[in-house]
Amino acid sequence: MSNHACRSRGFTLLELLVVIAILGLLIGYVAPRYFGQVSHAEVKSAQNQMDAIAKALEQYRLDMGRYPSAGEGLTALLQSPAMATERWRGPYLKKAVPPDPWGGSYRYEPLPAQDQFRLSSLGRDGRPGGSGADADLNL
């Protein structure tokens, strides 16, 4: 083989560096958009789960005349409270209460004085407060 034939078989270092630079630019442009969509999808998923739990709580209230107590918590949607077996028509959820999209638990707080409840998720960071994807979600 001639010297020229051996040279044309592979890529030069410069060509490889140009390809790597182009790939780096594409990843730098696409990755933030992709991960922004993932974050938005997690928030939307949490909101949908909270809506489903809220509907189950409303159905529980219609049957029982009240929301579950703080002690009963969201477990009352799946298992009959000890003192209320006659009126309980559950389970009110098909499956156990799921964790939020970030692996945390949904927080339930009855507000008996207002005949309401508060349902929340601490967001991605798992701590009260925050902003963006770390913000708390409340219902």
N, C-alpha and C. Protein backbone atom coordinates (compact mmCIF):
# COMPACT_ATOMS: atom_id res chain seq x y z
N MET A 1 0.84 -1.19 0.00
CA MET A 1 0.00 0.00 0.00
C MET A 1 0.87 1.24 0.00
N SER A 2 0.37 2.24 -0.62
CA SER A 2 1.14 3.47 -0.66
C SER A 2 0.90 4.27 0.61
N ASN A 3 1.74 5.22 0.88
CA ASN A 3 1.64 6.08 2.05
C ASN A 3 0.35 6.90 2.03
N HIS A 4 -0.05 7.30 0.85
CA HIS A 4 -1.28 8.10 0.71
C HIS A 4 -2.53 7.26 1.06
N ALA A 5 -2.56 6.00 0.70
CA ALA A 5 -3.70 5.13 0.98
C ALA A 5 -3.86 4.89 2.47
N CYS A 6 -2.78 4.78 3.22
CA CYS A 6 -2.85 4.59 4.66
C CYS A 6 -3.39 5.82 5.36
N ARG A 7 -3.02 7.00 4.87
CA ARG A 7 -3.47 8.24 5.49
C ARG A 7 -4.97 8.48 5.33
N SER A 8 -5.55 8.09 4.24
CA SER A 8 -6.94 8.41 3.98
C SER A 8 -7.90 7.44 4.66
N ARG A 9 -7.40 6.46 5.36
CA ARG A 9 -8.27 5.50 6.03
C ARG A 9 -8.91 6.04 7.30
N GLY A 10 -8.23 6.81 8.08
CA GLY A 10 -8.73 7.25 9.38
C GLY A 10 -9.05 8.74 9.40
N PHE A 11 -9.42 9.19 10.61
CA PHE A 11 -9.71 10.60 10.80
C PHE A 11 -8.50 11.27 11.43
N THR A 12 -8.32 12.51 11.13
CA THR A 12 -7.24 13.24 11.78
C THR A 12 -7.70 13.71 13.14
N LEU A 13 -6.77 14.06 13.97
CA LEU A 13 -7.10 14.56 15.31
C LEU A 13 -7.96 15.81 15.22
N LEU A 14 -7.67 16.65 14.27
CA LEU A 14 -8.45 17.88 14.10
C LEU A 14 -9.91 17.56 13.75
N GLU A 15 -10.13 16.60 12.87
CA GLU A 15 -11.50 16.22 12.50
C GLU A 15 -12.25 15.66 13.72
N LEU A 16 -11.58 14.84 14.52
CA LEU A 16 -12.21 14.31 15.72
C LEU A 16 -12.55 15.42 16.72
N LEU A 17 -11.65 16.38 16.88
CA LEU A 17 -11.92 17.50 17.79
C LEU A 17 -13.10 18.34 17.33
N VAL A 18 -13.22 18.54 16.03
CA VAL A 18 -14.35 19.31 15.49
C VAL A 18 -15.66 18.56 15.76
N VAL A 19 -15.69 17.26 15.55
CA VAL A 19 -16.90 16.48 15.80
C VAL A 19 -17.26 16.52 17.28
N ILE A 20 -16.27 16.38 18.16
CA ILE A 20 -16.52 16.43 19.61
C ILE A 20 -17.05 17.81 20.00
N ALA A 21 -16.50 18.87 19.42
CA ALA A 21 -16.98 20.22 19.72
C ALA A 21 -18.42 20.40 19.28
N ILE A 22 -18.77 19.89 18.11
CA ILE A 22 -20.14 20.01 17.62
C ILE A 22 -21.09 19.23 18.53
N LEU A 23 -20.70 18.01 18.92
CA LEU A 23 -21.53 17.23 19.83
C LEU A 23 -21.70 17.94 21.17
N GLY A 24 -20.63 18.55 21.67
CA GLY A 24 -20.72 19.30 22.92
C GLY A 24 -21.69 20.46 22.83
N LEU A 25 -21.67 21.18 21.72
CA LEU A 25 -22.60 22.29 21.52
C LEU A 25 -24.05 21.80 21.46
N LEU A 26 -24.26 20.71 20.74
CA LEU A 26 -25.62 20.16 20.66
C LEU A 26 -26.13 19.72 22.02
N ILE A 27 -25.30 19.04 22.78
CA ILE A 27 -25.70 18.60 24.12
C ILE A 27 -25.96 19.81 25.01
N GLY A 28 -25.12 20.81 24.92
CA GLY A 28 -25.32 22.02 25.71
C GLY A 28 -26.60 22.74 25.38
N TYR A 29 -27.06 22.62 24.15
CA TYR A 29 -28.30 23.27 23.73
C TYR A 29 -29.53 22.43 24.07
N VAL A 30 -29.45 21.12 23.86
CA VAL A 30 -30.61 20.24 24.01
C VAL A 30 -30.83 19.83 25.46
N ALA A 31 -29.79 19.54 26.22
CA ALA A 31 -29.93 19.01 27.58
C ALA A 31 -30.76 19.92 28.50
N PRO A 32 -30.49 21.23 28.56
CA PRO A 32 -31.31 22.06 29.45
C PRO A 32 -32.79 22.05 29.08
N ARG A 33 -33.08 22.02 27.80
CA ARG A 33 -34.49 21.97 27.38
C ARG A 33 -35.13 20.66 27.78
N TYR A 34 -34.39 19.56 27.62
CA TYR A 34 -34.91 18.25 27.98
C TYR A 34 -35.16 18.16 29.47
N PHE A 35 -34.18 18.56 30.28
CA PHE A 35 -34.34 18.46 31.72
C PHE A 35 -35.38 19.44 32.25
N GLY A 36 -35.57 20.55 31.57
CA GLY A 36 -36.65 21.47 31.94
C GLY A 36 -38.01 20.82 31.73
N GLN A 37 -38.14 20.04 30.67
CA GLN A 37 -39.40 19.33 30.41
C GLN A 37 -39.64 18.24 31.45
N VAL A 38 -38.57 17.56 31.86
CA VAL A 38 -38.70 16.52 32.88
C VAL A 38 -39.20 17.14 34.18
N SER A 39 -38.63 18.26 34.56
CA SER A 39 -39.03 18.95 35.79
C SER A 39 -40.50 19.37 35.71
N HIS A 40 -40.90 19.90 34.57
CA HIS A 40 -42.29 20.31 34.38
C HIS A 40 -43.22 19.10 34.46
N ALA A 41 -42.80 17.97 33.90
CA ALA A 41 -43.62 16.75 33.93
C ALA A 41 -43.76 16.23 35.36
N GLU A 42 -42.72 16.35 36.17
CA GLU A 42 -42.81 15.90 37.56
C GLU A 42 -43.81 16.74 38.34
N VAL A 43 -43.79 18.05 38.13
CA VAL A 43 -44.74 18.94 38.80
C VAL A 43 -46.16 18.61 38.37
N LYS A 44 -46.37 18.41 37.08
CA LYS A 44 -47.70 18.08 36.56
C LYS A 44 -48.18 16.74 37.13
N SER A 45 -47.28 15.78 37.22
CA SER A 45 -47.63 14.48 37.78
C SER A 45 -48.04 14.61 39.24
N ALA A 46 -47.31 15.40 40.01
CA ALA A 46 -47.65 15.62 41.42
C ALA A 46 -49.02 16.29 41.54
N GLN A 47 -49.30 17.26 40.69
CA GLN A 47 -50.60 17.93 40.73
C GLN A 47 -51.72 16.96 40.40
N ASN A 48 -51.50 16.09 39.43
CA ASN A 48 -52.53 15.10 39.06
C ASN A 48 -52.76 14.10 40.20
N GLN A 49 -51.68 13.66 40.84
CA GLN A 49 -51.83 12.74 41.97
C GLN A 49 -52.57 13.42 43.12
N MET A 50 -52.24 14.67 43.39
CA MET A 50 -52.91 15.40 44.47
C MET A 50 -54.40 15.59 44.15
N ASP A 51 -54.74 15.83 42.90
CA ASP A 51 -56.15 15.96 42.51
C ASP A 51 -56.89 14.65 42.75
N ALA A 52 -56.27 13.51 42.42
CA ALA A 52 -56.91 12.22 42.64
C ALA A 52 -57.11 11.96 44.13
N ILE A 53 -56.12 12.31 44.94
CA ILE A 53 -56.25 12.12 46.39
C ILE A 53 -57.34 13.04 46.94
N ALA A 54 -57.41 14.27 46.43
CA ALA A 54 -58.44 15.22 46.89
C ALA A 54 -59.83 14.70 46.55
N LYS A 55 -60.01 14.11 45.37
CA LYS A 55 -61.32 13.55 45.00
C LYS A 55 -61.69 12.40 45.93
N ALA A 56 -60.70 11.57 46.27
CA ALA A 56 -60.95 10.48 47.21
C ALA A 56 -61.33 11.03 48.58
N LEU A 57 -60.68 12.10 49.01
CA LEU A 57 -61.01 12.73 50.30
C LEU A 57 -62.42 13.29 50.28
N GLU A 58 -62.84 13.86 49.17
CA GLU A 58 -64.20 14.39 49.05
C GLU A 58 -65.23 13.26 49.13
N GLN A 59 -64.94 12.15 48.48
CA GLN A 59 -65.85 11.00 48.53
C GLN A 59 -65.93 10.46 49.96
N TYR A 60 -64.80 10.40 50.63
CA TYR A 60 -64.75 9.97 52.04
C TYR A 60 -65.63 10.89 52.88
N ARG A 61 -65.51 12.18 52.66
CA ARG A 61 -66.30 13.16 53.42
C ARG A 61 -67.80 12.99 53.18
N LEU A 62 -68.19 12.70 51.94
CA LEU A 62 -69.61 12.48 51.64
C LEU A 62 -70.15 11.27 52.41
N ASP A 63 -69.35 10.21 52.48
CA ASP A 63 -69.79 9.00 53.18
C ASP A 63 -69.74 9.16 54.69
N MET A 64 -68.69 9.75 55.19
CA MET A 64 -68.43 9.80 56.63
C MET A 64 -68.94 11.08 57.31
N GLY A 65 -69.20 12.11 56.51
CA GLY A 65 -69.64 13.38 57.10
C GLY A 65 -68.50 14.24 57.59
N ARG A 66 -67.29 13.83 57.35
CA ARG A 66 -66.10 14.57 57.79
C ARG A 66 -64.89 14.07 57.00
N TYR A 67 -63.83 14.85 57.05
CA TYR A 67 -62.56 14.40 56.48
C TYR A 67 -61.84 13.53 57.50
N PRO A 68 -60.89 12.71 57.06
CA PRO A 68 -60.12 11.91 58.03
C PRO A 68 -59.41 12.81 59.03
N SER A 69 -59.30 12.33 60.25
CA SER A 69 -58.57 13.10 61.27
C SER A 69 -57.07 13.05 60.97
N ALA A 70 -56.33 13.86 61.68
CA ALA A 70 -54.87 13.86 61.51
C ALA A 70 -54.30 12.50 61.86
N GLY A 71 -54.85 11.86 62.88
CA GLY A 71 -54.39 10.54 63.28
C GLY A 71 -54.70 9.46 62.24
N GLU A 72 -55.87 9.57 61.62
CA GLU A 72 -56.24 8.60 60.59
C GLU A 72 -55.44 8.82 59.31
N GLY A 73 -55.22 10.09 58.99
CA GLY A 73 -54.45 10.44 57.79
C GLY A 73 -55.01 9.86 56.52
N LEU A 74 -54.17 9.76 55.52
CA LEU A 74 -54.61 9.26 54.22
C LEU A 74 -54.84 7.75 54.23
N THR A 75 -54.42 7.08 55.28
CA THR A 75 -54.67 5.64 55.42
C THR A 75 -56.16 5.35 55.47
N ALA A 76 -56.94 6.31 55.96
CA ALA A 76 -58.39 6.13 56.06
C ALA A 76 -59.04 5.98 54.68
N LEU A 77 -58.34 6.37 53.63
CA LEU A 77 -58.88 6.21 52.29
C LEU A 77 -58.78 4.76 51.82
N LEU A 78 -57.92 3.99 52.48
CA LEU A 78 -57.70 2.59 52.09
C LEU A 78 -58.24 1.59 53.08
N GLN A 79 -58.24 1.96 54.37
CA GLN A 79 -58.70 1.06 55.43
C GLN A 79 -59.72 1.79 56.28
N SER A 80 -60.74 1.06 56.67
CA SER A 80 -61.79 1.64 57.48
C SER A 80 -61.25 2.07 58.85
N PRO A 81 -61.54 3.31 59.26
CA PRO A 81 -61.17 3.71 60.62
C PRO A 81 -61.88 2.82 61.64
N ALA A 82 -61.28 2.62 62.77
CA ALA A 82 -61.80 1.68 63.78
C ALA A 82 -63.23 1.99 64.21
N MET A 83 -63.57 3.25 64.35
CA MET A 83 -64.87 3.63 64.90
C MET A 83 -65.94 3.86 63.82
N ALA A 84 -65.62 3.68 62.55
CA ALA A 84 -66.55 4.11 61.51
C ALA A 84 -66.82 3.02 60.47
N THR A 85 -66.90 1.81 60.86
CA THR A 85 -67.04 0.74 59.89
C THR A 85 -68.38 0.73 59.16
N GLU A 86 -69.44 1.22 59.74
CA GLU A 86 -70.76 1.16 59.10
C GLU A 86 -70.92 2.16 57.96
N ARG A 87 -70.37 3.34 58.10
CA ARG A 87 -70.55 4.37 57.08
C ARG A 87 -69.45 4.36 56.02
N TRP A 88 -68.34 3.77 56.33
CA TRP A 88 -67.19 3.75 55.41
C TRP A 88 -67.51 2.90 54.19
N ARG A 89 -67.35 3.44 52.99
CA ARG A 89 -67.69 2.75 51.75
C ARG A 89 -66.46 2.54 50.86
N GLY A 90 -65.29 2.57 51.45
CA GLY A 90 -64.03 2.49 50.70
C GLY A 90 -63.67 1.09 50.30
N PRO A 91 -62.52 0.91 49.79
CA PRO A 91 -61.45 1.90 49.69
C PRO A 91 -61.75 2.97 48.64
N TYR A 92 -61.26 4.15 48.91
CA TYR A 92 -61.52 5.30 48.06
C TYR A 92 -60.43 5.50 47.01
N LEU A 93 -59.35 4.78 47.15
CA LEU A 93 -58.29 4.76 46.14
C LEU A 93 -58.08 3.33 45.69
N LYS A 94 -57.75 3.13 44.43
CA LYS A 94 -57.53 1.78 43.91
C LYS A 94 -56.23 1.18 44.44
N LYS A 95 -55.24 2.04 44.66
CA LYS A 95 -53.94 1.58 45.14
C LYS A 95 -53.53 2.43 46.33
N ALA A 96 -52.45 2.05 46.97
CA ALA A 96 -51.92 2.83 48.09
C ALA A 96 -51.57 4.24 47.62
N VAL A 97 -51.57 5.18 48.54
CA VAL A 97 -51.20 6.55 48.22
C VAL A 97 -49.77 6.53 47.70
N PRO A 98 -49.56 7.00 46.47
CA PRO A 98 -48.21 6.93 45.90
C PRO A 98 -47.30 8.00 46.52
N PRO A 99 -46.00 7.78 46.46
CA PRO A 99 -45.10 8.86 46.84
C PRO A 99 -45.17 9.95 45.77
N ASP A 100 -44.77 11.15 46.13
CA ASP A 100 -44.73 12.20 45.10
C ASP A 100 -43.63 11.84 44.09
N PRO A 101 -43.57 12.53 42.96
CA PRO A 101 -42.59 12.17 41.92
C PRO A 101 -41.13 12.23 42.38
N TRP A 102 -40.86 12.86 43.50
CA TRP A 102 -39.49 12.98 44.00
C TRP A 102 -39.22 11.99 45.12
N GLY A 103 -40.17 11.09 45.39
CA GLY A 103 -39.98 10.05 46.39
C GLY A 103 -40.43 10.42 47.79
N GLY A 104 -40.95 11.62 47.97
CA GLY A 104 -41.45 12.05 49.28
C GLY A 104 -42.89 11.65 49.49
N SER A 105 -43.39 11.92 50.68
CA SER A 105 -44.78 11.61 51.01
C SER A 105 -45.64 12.87 50.86
N TYR A 106 -46.87 12.67 50.47
CA TYR A 106 -47.81 13.79 50.46
C TYR A 106 -48.20 14.07 51.90
N ARG A 107 -48.34 15.34 52.22
CA ARG A 107 -48.71 15.74 53.58
C ARG A 107 -50.19 16.10 53.60
N TYR A 108 -50.89 15.53 54.57
CA TYR A 108 -52.32 15.77 54.73
C TYR A 108 -52.54 16.44 56.07
N GLU A 109 -53.33 17.52 56.04
CA GLU A 109 -53.66 18.23 57.28
C GLU A 109 -55.14 18.60 57.24
N PRO A 110 -55.94 18.01 58.13
CA PRO A 110 -57.36 18.40 58.18
C PRO A 110 -57.50 19.79 58.80
N LEU A 111 -58.46 20.54 58.30
CA LEU A 111 -58.77 21.86 58.86
C LEU A 111 -60.25 21.84 59.27
N PRO A 112 -60.55 21.20 60.41
CA PRO A 112 -61.96 20.98 60.78
C PRO A 112 -62.75 22.27 60.98
N ALA A 113 -62.12 23.34 61.44
CA ALA A 113 -62.85 24.59 61.67
C ALA A 113 -63.42 25.14 60.36
N GLN A 114 -62.74 24.89 59.25
CA GLN A 114 -63.22 25.39 57.96
C GLN A 114 -63.85 24.27 57.12
N ASP A 115 -63.92 23.05 57.68
CA ASP A 115 -64.43 21.89 56.95
C ASP A 115 -63.67 21.73 55.63
N GLN A 116 -62.35 21.81 55.73
CA GLN A 116 -61.47 21.68 54.57
C GLN A 116 -60.25 20.86 54.96
N PHE A 117 -59.34 20.72 54.03
CA PHE A 117 -58.08 20.04 54.29
C PHE A 117 -56.98 20.72 53.49
N ARG A 118 -55.76 20.44 53.86
CA ARG A 118 -54.61 20.93 53.11
C ARG A 118 -53.80 19.70 52.71
N LEU A 119 -53.49 19.61 51.43
CA LEU A 119 -52.69 18.53 50.89
C LEU A 119 -51.48 19.17 50.23
N SER A 120 -50.28 18.66 50.52
CA SER A 120 -49.09 19.30 49.97
C SER A 120 -47.98 18.30 49.69
N SER A 121 -47.05 18.76 48.87
CA SER A 121 -45.80 18.04 48.58
C SER A 121 -44.69 19.05 48.76
N LEU A 122 -43.57 18.61 49.29
CA LEU A 122 -42.45 19.52 49.53
C LEU A 122 -41.59 19.75 48.30
N GLY A 123 -41.96 19.21 47.16
CA GLY A 123 -41.23 19.45 45.93
C GLY A 123 -39.95 18.64 45.83
N ARG A 124 -39.14 19.00 44.86
CA ARG A 124 -37.94 18.22 44.56
C ARG A 124 -36.93 18.20 45.70
N ASP A 125 -36.78 19.33 46.41
CA ASP A 125 -35.76 19.38 47.47
C ASP A 125 -36.21 18.72 48.77
N GLY A 126 -37.51 18.43 48.92
CA GLY A 126 -38.00 17.76 50.12
C GLY A 126 -37.99 18.64 51.37
N ARG A 127 -37.85 19.95 51.19
CA ARG A 127 -37.85 20.89 52.32
C ARG A 127 -38.91 21.96 52.11
N PRO A 128 -39.45 22.48 53.20
CA PRO A 128 -40.45 23.56 53.05
C PRO A 128 -39.86 24.76 52.31
N GLY A 129 -40.72 25.39 51.53
CA GLY A 129 -40.30 26.57 50.78
C GLY A 129 -39.67 26.18 49.46
N GLY A 130 -38.82 27.03 48.98
CA GLY A 130 -38.12 26.78 47.71
C GLY A 130 -38.80 27.49 46.56
N SER A 131 -38.14 27.45 45.42
CA SER A 131 -38.70 28.08 44.22
C SER A 131 -38.41 27.17 43.03
N GLY A 132 -39.10 27.42 41.94
CA GLY A 132 -38.95 26.59 40.76
C GLY A 132 -39.38 25.15 41.05
N ALA A 133 -38.57 24.19 40.63
CA ALA A 133 -38.90 22.77 40.85
C ALA A 133 -38.80 22.40 42.32
N ASP A 134 -38.12 23.21 43.11
CA ASP A 134 -38.01 22.95 44.54
C ASP A 134 -39.18 23.52 45.34
N ALA A 135 -40.08 24.24 44.68
CA ALA A 135 -41.20 24.87 45.38
C ALA A 135 -42.18 23.83 45.89
N ASP A 136 -42.82 24.14 47.00
CA ASP A 136 -43.86 23.29 47.55
C ASP A 136 -45.10 23.37 46.66
N LEU A 137 -45.82 22.28 46.59
CA LEU A 137 -47.11 22.24 45.89
C LEU A 137 -48.20 22.09 46.92
N ASN A 138 -49.22 22.91 46.84
CA ASN A 138 -50.31 22.89 47.82
C ASN A 138 -51.64 22.78 47.11
N LEU A 139 -52.53 22.09 47.78
CA LEU A 139 -53.89 21.96 47.26
C LEU A 139 -54.85 22.25 48.39
